[in-house]
């Protein structure tokens, strides 16, 4: 378990990167496929999904630090 814990921040960085890609996509009424989700390419939808991806990625990156702080590592 401890040896695989370093994968969680890497997955988080990938999710952050995909969130930035979604946030930088122009809203043009079509759909984009990111992280296994079909997202409509309207501006509010892109902002909502991109922001959630970035926040989820930050949470994944911080998991090992939180577990270390709690003493579970």
PDB file of N, CA and C in Angstrom:
ATOM      1  N   UNK A   1       0.815  -1.189   0.000  1.00  0.00           N
ATOM      2  CA  UNK A   1       0.000   0.000   0.000  1.00  0.00           C
ATOM      3  C   UNK A   1       0.861   1.257   0.000  1.00  0.00           C
ATOM      4  N   UNK A   2       1.880   1.278   0.847  1.00  0.00           N
ATOM      5  CA  UNK A   2       2.734   2.457   0.931  1.00  0.00           C
ATOM      6  C   UNK A   2       3.521   2.672  -0.355  1.00  0.00           C
ATOM      7  N   UNK A   3       3.873   1.579  -1.028  1.00  0.00           N
ATOM      8  CA  UNK A   3       4.642   1.708  -2.268  1.00  0.00           C
ATOM      9  C   UNK A   3       3.798   2.269  -3.405  1.00  0.00           C
ATOM     10  N   UNK A   4       2.500   2.040  -3.377  1.00  0.00           N
ATOM     11  CA  UNK A   4       1.624   2.531  -4.436  1.00  0.00           C
ATOM     12  C   UNK A   4       1.077   3.927  -4.149  1.00  0.00           C
ATOM     13  N   UNK A   5       1.376   4.467  -2.977  1.00  0.00           N
ATOM     14  CA  UNK A   5       0.850   5.768  -2.601  1.00  0.00           C
ATOM     15  C   UNK A   5       1.411   6.894  -3.458  1.00  0.00           C
ATOM     16  N   UNK A   6       2.592   6.708  -4.042  1.00  0.00           N
ATOM     17  CA  UNK A   6       3.180   7.752  -4.881  1.00  0.00           C
ATOM     18  C   UNK A   6       2.445   7.893  -6.203  1.00  0.00           C
ATOM     19  N   UNK A   7       1.602   6.923  -6.559  1.00  0.00           N
ATOM     20  CA  UNK A   7       0.819   7.022  -7.793  1.00  0.00           C
ATOM     21  C   UNK A   7      -0.321   8.032  -7.683  1.00  0.00           C
ATOM     22  N   UNK A   8      -0.836   8.222  -6.483  1.00  0.00           N
ATOM     23  CA  UNK A   8      -1.979   9.114  -6.300  1.00  0.00           C
ATOM     24  C   UNK A   8      -1.654  10.546  -6.712  1.00  0.00           C
ATOM     25  N   UNK A   9      -0.511  11.126  -6.288  1.00  0.00           N
ATOM     26  CA  UNK A   9      -0.211  12.493  -6.763  1.00  0.00           C
ATOM     27  C   UNK A   9       0.014  12.575  -8.271  1.00  0.00           C
ATOM     28  N   UNK A  10       0.561  11.515  -8.868  1.00  0.00           N
ATOM     29  CA  UNK A  10       0.747  11.533 -10.319  1.00  0.00           C
ATOM     30  C   UNK A  10      -0.596  11.536 -11.046  1.00  0.00           C
ATOM     31  N   UNK A  11      -1.542  10.771 -10.535  1.00  0.00           N
ATOM     32  CA  UNK A  11      -2.886  10.780 -11.102  1.00  0.00           C
ATOM     33  C   UNK A  11      -3.506  12.157 -10.906  1.00  0.00           C
ATOM     34  N   UNK A  12      -3.264  12.758  -9.754  1.00  0.00           N
ATOM     35  CA  UNK A  12      -3.766  14.097  -9.493  1.00  0.00           C
ATOM     36  C   UNK A  12      -3.200  15.119 -10.451  1.00  0.00           C
ATOM     37  N   UNK A  13      -1.915  15.016 -10.762  1.00  0.00           N
ATOM     38  CA  UNK A  13      -1.318  15.940 -11.723  1.00  0.00           C
ATOM     39  C   UNK A  13      -1.925  15.769 -13.108  1.00  0.00           C
ATOM     40  N   UNK A  14      -2.222  14.528 -13.488  1.00  0.00           N
ATOM     41  CA  UNK A  14      -2.862  14.283 -14.776  1.00  0.00           C
ATOM     42  C   UNK A  14      -4.265  14.891 -14.811  1.00  0.00           C
ATOM     43  N   UNK A  15      -5.002  14.760 -13.706  1.00  0.00           N
ATOM     44  CA  UNK A  15      -6.354  15.325 -13.647  1.00  0.00           C
ATOM     45  C   UNK A  15      -6.288  16.853 -13.708  1.00  0.00           C
ATOM     46  N   UNK A  16      -5.297  17.450 -13.047  1.00  0.00           N
ATOM     47  CA  UNK A  16      -5.114  18.904 -13.116  1.00  0.00           C
ATOM     48  C   UNK A  16      -4.817  19.330 -14.550  1.00  0.00           C
ATOM     49  N   UNK A  17      -3.952  18.567 -15.232  1.00  0.00           N
ATOM     50  CA  UNK A  17      -3.627  18.901 -16.627  1.00  0.00           C
ATOM     51  C   UNK A  17      -4.865  18.839 -17.511  1.00  0.00           C
ATOM     52  N   UNK A  18      -5.670  17.825 -17.336  1.00  0.00           N
ATOM     53  CA  UNK A  18      -6.897  17.699 -18.129  1.00  0.00           C
ATOM     54  C   UNK A  18      -7.880  18.815 -17.781  1.00  0.00           C
ATOM     55  N   UNK A  19      -7.920  19.230 -16.532  1.00  0.00           N
ATOM     56  CA  UNK A  19      -8.775  20.340 -16.147  1.00  0.00           C
ATOM     57  C   UNK A  19      -8.354  21.636 -16.815  1.00  0.00           C
ATOM     58  N   UNK A  20      -7.046  21.850 -16.914  1.00  0.00           N
ATOM     59  CA  UNK A  20      -6.543  23.043 -17.587  1.00  0.00           C
ATOM     60  C   UNK A  20      -6.858  22.986 -19.079  1.00  0.00           C
ATOM     61  N   UNK A  21      -6.779  21.793 -19.661  1.00  0.00           N
ATOM     62  CA  UNK A  21      -7.145  21.635 -21.074  1.00  0.00           C
ATOM     63  C   UNK A  21      -8.614  21.991 -21.280  1.00  0.00           C
ATOM     64  N   UNK A  22      -9.475  21.518 -20.385  1.00  0.00           N
ATOM     65  CA  UNK A  22     -10.904  21.820 -20.496  1.00  0.00           C
ATOM     66  C   UNK A  22     -11.137  23.322 -20.318  1.00  0.00           C
ATOM     67  N   UNK A  23     -10.457  23.930 -19.358  1.00  0.00           N
ATOM     68  CA  UNK A  23     -10.640  25.367 -19.123  1.00  0.00           C
ATOM     69  C   UNK A  23     -10.142  26.215 -20.289  1.00  0.00           C
ATOM     70  N   UNK A  24      -9.148  25.730 -21.003  1.00  0.00           N
ATOM     71  CA  UNK A  24      -8.607  26.519 -22.103  1.00  0.00           C
ATOM     72  C   UNK A  24      -9.311  26.253 -23.440  1.00  0.00           C
ATOM     73  N   UNK A  25     -10.273  25.336 -23.457  1.00  0.00           N
ATOM     74  CA  UNK A  25     -11.024  25.039 -24.675  1.00  0.00           C
ATOM     75  C   UNK A  25     -12.082  26.119 -24.898  1.00  0.00           C
ATOM     76  N   UNK A  26     -12.217  26.539 -26.114  1.00  0.00           N
ATOM     77  CA  UNK A  26     -13.222  27.549 -26.470  1.00  0.00           C
ATOM     78  C   UNK A  26     -14.605  26.903 -26.544  1.00  0.00           C
ATOM     79  N   UNK A  27     -15.605  27.583 -26.016  1.00  0.00           N
ATOM     80  CA  UNK A  27     -16.980  27.108 -26.110  1.00  0.00           C
ATOM     81  C   UNK A  27     -17.519  27.312 -27.513  1.00  0.00           C
ATOM     82  N   UNK A  28     -17.804  26.221 -28.208  1.00  0.00           N
ATOM     83  CA  UNK A  28     -18.251  26.347 -29.588  1.00  0.00           C
ATOM     84  C   UNK A  28     -19.476  25.477 -29.883  1.00  0.00           C
ATOM     85  N   UNK A  29     -20.145  24.991 -28.859  1.00  0.00           N
ATOM     86  CA  UNK A  29     -21.398  24.275 -29.065  1.00  0.00           C
ATOM     87  C   UNK A  29     -21.276  22.808 -29.390  1.00  0.00           C
ATOM     88  N   UNK A  30     -20.071  22.295 -29.560  1.00  0.00           N
ATOM     89  CA  UNK A  30     -19.895  20.868 -29.826  1.00  0.00           C
ATOM     90  C   UNK A  30     -19.680  20.163 -28.486  1.00  0.00           C
ATOM     91  N   UNK A  31     -19.014  19.048 -28.507  1.00  0.00           N
ATOM     92  CA  UNK A  31     -18.707  18.325 -27.285  1.00  0.00           C
ATOM     93  C   UNK A  31     -17.246  17.880 -27.332  1.00  0.00           C
ATOM     94  N   UNK A  32     -16.632  17.796 -26.159  1.00  0.00           N
ATOM     95  CA  UNK A  32     -15.272  17.283 -26.066  1.00  0.00           C
ATOM     96  C   UNK A  32     -15.292  16.081 -25.142  1.00  0.00           C
ATOM     97  N   UNK A  33     -14.310  15.218 -25.307  1.00  0.00           N
ATOM     98  CA  UNK A  33     -14.220  13.989 -24.525  1.00  0.00           C
ATOM     99  C   UNK A  33     -12.951  14.056 -23.689  1.00  0.00           C
ATOM    100  N   UNK A  34     -13.096  14.272 -22.387  1.00  0.00           N
ATOM    101  CA  UNK A  34     -11.956  14.343 -21.471  1.00  0.00           C
ATOM    102  C   UNK A  34     -12.229  13.480 -20.250  1.00  0.00           C
ATOM    103  N   UNK A  35     -11.234  12.716 -19.835  1.00  0.00           N
ATOM    104  CA  UNK A  35     -11.302  11.866 -18.645  1.00  0.00           C
ATOM    105  C   UNK A  35     -12.517  10.938 -18.656  1.00  0.00           C
ATOM    106  N   UNK A  36     -12.839  10.425 -19.811  1.00  0.00           N
ATOM    107  CA  UNK A  36     -13.946   9.483 -19.925  1.00  0.00           C
ATOM    108  C   UNK A  36     -15.318  10.114 -19.854  1.00  0.00           C
ATOM    109  N   UNK A  37     -15.369  11.432 -19.973  1.00  0.00           N
ATOM    110  CA  UNK A  37     -16.643  12.133 -19.905  1.00  0.00           C
ATOM    111  C   UNK A  37     -16.863  12.919 -21.192  1.00  0.00           C
ATOM    112  N   UNK A  38     -18.076  12.912 -21.684  1.00  0.00           N
ATOM    113  CA  UNK A  38     -18.444  13.723 -22.833  1.00  0.00           C
ATOM    114  C   UNK A  38     -18.999  15.034 -22.284  1.00  0.00           C
ATOM    115  N   UNK A  39     -18.266  16.120 -22.503  1.00  0.00           N
ATOM    116  CA  UNK A  39     -18.614  17.425 -21.942  1.00  0.00           C
ATOM    117  C   UNK A  39     -19.091  18.318 -23.079  1.00  0.00           C
ATOM    118  N   UNK A  40     -20.254  18.902 -22.905  1.00  0.00           N
ATOM    119  CA  UNK A  40     -20.724  19.840 -23.919  1.00  0.00           C
ATOM    120  C   UNK A  40     -19.813  21.058 -23.916  1.00  0.00           C
ATOM    121  N   UNK A  41     -19.488  21.542 -25.085  1.00  0.00           N
ATOM    122  CA  UNK A  41     -18.503  22.620 -25.208  1.00  0.00           C
ATOM    123  C   UNK A  41     -19.172  23.987 -25.169  1.00  0.00           C
ATOM    124  N   UNK A  42     -19.992  24.206 -24.154  1.00  0.00           N
ATOM    125  CA  UNK A  42     -20.506  25.541 -23.895  1.00  0.00           C
ATOM    126  C   UNK A  42     -19.675  26.145 -22.776  1.00  0.00           C
ATOM    127  N   UNK A  43     -19.586  27.437 -22.736  1.00  0.00           N
ATOM    128  CA  UNK A  43     -18.698  28.103 -21.784  1.00  0.00           C
ATOM    129  C   UNK A  43     -19.010  27.751 -20.329  1.00  0.00           C
ATOM    130  N   UNK A  44     -20.274  27.798 -19.862  1.00  0.00           N
ATOM    131  CA  UNK A  44     -20.520  27.452 -18.452  1.00  0.00           C
ATOM    132  C   UNK A  44     -20.165  26.001 -18.114  1.00  0.00           C
ATOM    133  N   UNK A  45     -20.444  25.102 -19.035  1.00  0.00           N
ATOM    134  CA  UNK A  45     -20.135  23.693 -18.802  1.00  0.00           C
ATOM    135  C   UNK A  45     -18.625  23.460 -18.743  1.00  0.00           C
ATOM    136  N   UNK A  46     -17.890  24.112 -19.635  1.00  0.00           N
ATOM    137  CA  UNK A  46     -16.437  23.964 -19.635  1.00  0.00           C
ATOM    138  C   UNK A  46     -15.822  24.535 -18.366  1.00  0.00           C
ATOM    139  N   UNK A  47     -16.319  25.674 -17.913  1.00  0.00           N
ATOM    140  CA  UNK A  47     -15.788  26.273 -16.693  1.00  0.00           C
ATOM    141  C   UNK A  47     -16.093  25.390 -15.481  1.00  0.00           C
ATOM    142  N   UNK A  48     -17.303  24.864 -15.413  1.00  0.00           N
ATOM    143  CA  UNK A  48     -17.683  24.015 -14.280  1.00  0.00           C
ATOM    144  C   UNK A  48     -16.870  22.728 -14.244  1.00  0.00           C
ATOM    145  N   UNK A  49     -16.801  22.019 -15.370  1.00  0.00           N
ATOM    146  CA  UNK A  49     -16.071  20.756 -15.394  1.00  0.00           C
ATOM    147  C   UNK A  49     -14.573  20.970 -15.219  1.00  0.00           C
ATOM    148  N   UNK A  50     -14.014  21.971 -15.870  1.00  0.00           N
ATOM    149  CA  UNK A  50     -12.585  22.247 -15.727  1.00  0.00           C
ATOM    150  C   UNK A  50     -12.215  22.590 -14.304  1.00  0.00           C
ATOM    151  N   UNK A  51     -13.025  23.402 -13.649  1.00  0.00           N
ATOM    152  CA  UNK A  51     -12.756  23.767 -12.255  1.00  0.00           C
ATOM    153  C   UNK A  51     -12.845  22.556 -11.339  1.00  0.00           C
ATOM    154  N   UNK A  52     -13.843  21.721 -11.571  1.00  0.00           N
ATOM    155  CA  UNK A  52     -13.966  20.514 -10.745  1.00  0.00           C
ATOM    156  C   UNK A  52     -12.796  19.559 -10.964  1.00  0.00           C
ATOM    157  N   UNK A  53     -12.323  19.438 -12.195  1.00  0.00           N
ATOM    158  CA  UNK A  53     -11.166  18.591 -12.461  1.00  0.00           C
ATOM    159  C   UNK A  53      -9.931  19.123 -11.738  1.00  0.00           C
ATOM    160  N   UNK A  54      -9.731  20.429 -11.777  1.00  0.00           N
ATOM    161  CA  UNK A  54      -8.562  21.013 -11.106  1.00  0.00           C
ATOM    162  C   UNK A  54      -8.662  20.821  -9.600  1.00  0.00           C
ATOM    163  N   UNK A  55      -9.831  21.039  -9.013  1.00  0.00           N
ATOM    164  CA  UNK A  55      -9.998  20.850  -7.572  1.00  0.00           C
ATOM    165  C   UNK A  55      -9.818  19.384  -7.167  1.00  0.00           C
ATOM    166  N   UNK A  56     -10.333  18.465  -7.976  1.00  0.00           N
ATOM    167  CA  UNK A  56     -10.155  17.043  -7.683  1.00  0.00           C
ATOM    168  C   UNK A  56      -8.687  16.650  -7.793  1.00  0.00           C
ATOM    169  N   UNK A  57      -7.983  17.209  -8.761  1.00  0.00           N
ATOM    170  CA  UNK A  57      -6.555  16.934  -8.899  1.00  0.00           C
ATOM    171  C   UNK A  57      -5.759  17.453  -7.723  1.00  0.00           C
ATOM    172  N   UNK A  58      -6.097  18.655  -7.241  1.00  0.00           N
ATOM    173  CA  UNK A  58      -5.419  19.198  -6.068  1.00  0.00           C
ATOM    174  C   UNK A  58      -5.671  18.321  -4.852  1.00  0.00           C
ATOM    175  N   UNK A  59      -6.888  17.825  -4.715  1.00  0.00           N
ATOM    176  CA  UNK A  59      -7.198  16.917  -3.600  1.00  0.00           C
ATOM    177  C   UNK A  59      -6.383  15.631  -3.700  1.00  0.00           C
ATOM    178  N   UNK A  60      -6.237  15.082  -4.897  1.00  0.00           N
ATOM    179  CA  UNK A  60      -5.447  13.860  -5.063  1.00  0.00           C
ATOM    180  C   UNK A  60      -3.968  14.098  -4.784  1.00  0.00           C
ATOM    181  N   UNK A  61      -3.455  15.249  -5.189  1.00  0.00           N
ATOM    182  CA  UNK A  61      -2.051  15.557  -4.941  1.00  0.00           C
ATOM    183  C   UNK A  61      -1.788  15.693  -3.446  1.00  0.00           C
ATOM    184  N   UNK A  62      -2.748  16.206  -2.702  1.00  0.00           N
ATOM    185  CA  UNK A  62      -2.536  16.449  -1.277  1.00  0.00           C
ATOM    186  C   UNK A  62      -2.809  15.232  -0.385  1.00  0.00           C
ATOM    187  N   UNK A  63      -3.325  14.139  -0.932  1.00  0.00           N
ATOM    188  CA  UNK A  63      -3.649  12.955  -0.125  1.00  0.00           C
ATOM    189  C   UNK A  63      -2.452  12.414   0.658  1.00  0.00           C
ATOM    190  N   UNK A  64      -1.279  12.209   0.065  1.00  0.00           N
ATOM    191  CA  UNK A  64      -0.166  11.676   0.857  1.00  0.00           C
ATOM    192  C   UNK A  64       0.259  12.604   2.002  1.00  0.00           C
ATOM    193  N   UNK A  65       0.183  13.899   1.774  1.00  0.00           N
ATOM    194  CA  UNK A  65       0.553  14.848   2.824  1.00  0.00           C
ATOM    195  C   UNK A  65      -0.445  14.817   3.972  1.00  0.00           C
ATOM    196  N   UNK A  66      -1.718  14.678   3.629  1.00  0.00           N
ATOM    197  CA  UNK A  66      -2.747  14.596   4.660  1.00  0.00           C
ATOM    198  C   UNK A  66      -2.598  13.310   5.470  1.00  0.00           C
ATOM    199  N   UNK A  67      -2.350  12.195   4.774  1.00  0.00           N
ATOM    200  CA  UNK A  67      -2.183  10.927   5.477  1.00  0.00           C
ATOM    201  C   UNK A  67      -0.940  10.950   6.366  1.00  0.00           C
ATOM    202  N   UNK A  68       0.111  11.590   5.911  1.00  0.00           N
ATOM    203  CA  UNK A  68       1.327  11.693   6.724  1.00  0.00           C
ATOM    204  C   UNK A  68       1.052  12.540   7.964  1.00  0.00           C
ATOM    205  N   UNK A  69       0.286  13.621   7.791  1.00  0.00           N
ATOM    206  CA  UNK A  69      -0.053  14.496   8.906  1.00  0.00           C
ATOM    207  C   UNK A  69      -0.913  13.767   9.934  1.00  0.00           C
ATOM    208  N   UNK A  70      -1.798  12.905   9.465  1.00  0.00           N
ATOM    209  CA  UNK A  70      -2.657  12.146  10.372  1.00  0.00           C
ATOM    210  C   UNK A  70      -1.928  10.992  11.032  1.00  0.00           C
ATOM    211  N   UNK A  71      -0.750  10.647  10.539  1.00  0.00           N
ATOM    212  CA  UNK A  71       0.029   9.569  11.140  1.00  0.00           C
ATOM    213  C   UNK A  71      -0.294   8.198  10.599  1.00  0.00           C
ATOM    214  N   UNK A  72      -0.980   8.120   9.475  1.00  0.00           N
ATOM    215  CA  UNK A  72      -1.327   6.823   8.900  1.00  0.00           C
ATOM    216  C   UNK A  72      -0.231   6.258   8.020  1.00  0.00           C
ATOM    217  N   UNK A  73       0.852   6.981   7.800  1.00  0.00           N
ATOM    218  CA  UNK A  73       1.945   6.490   6.980  1.00  0.00           C
ATOM    219  C   UNK A  73       3.132   6.155   7.831  1.00  0.00           C
TER     220      UNK A  73
END
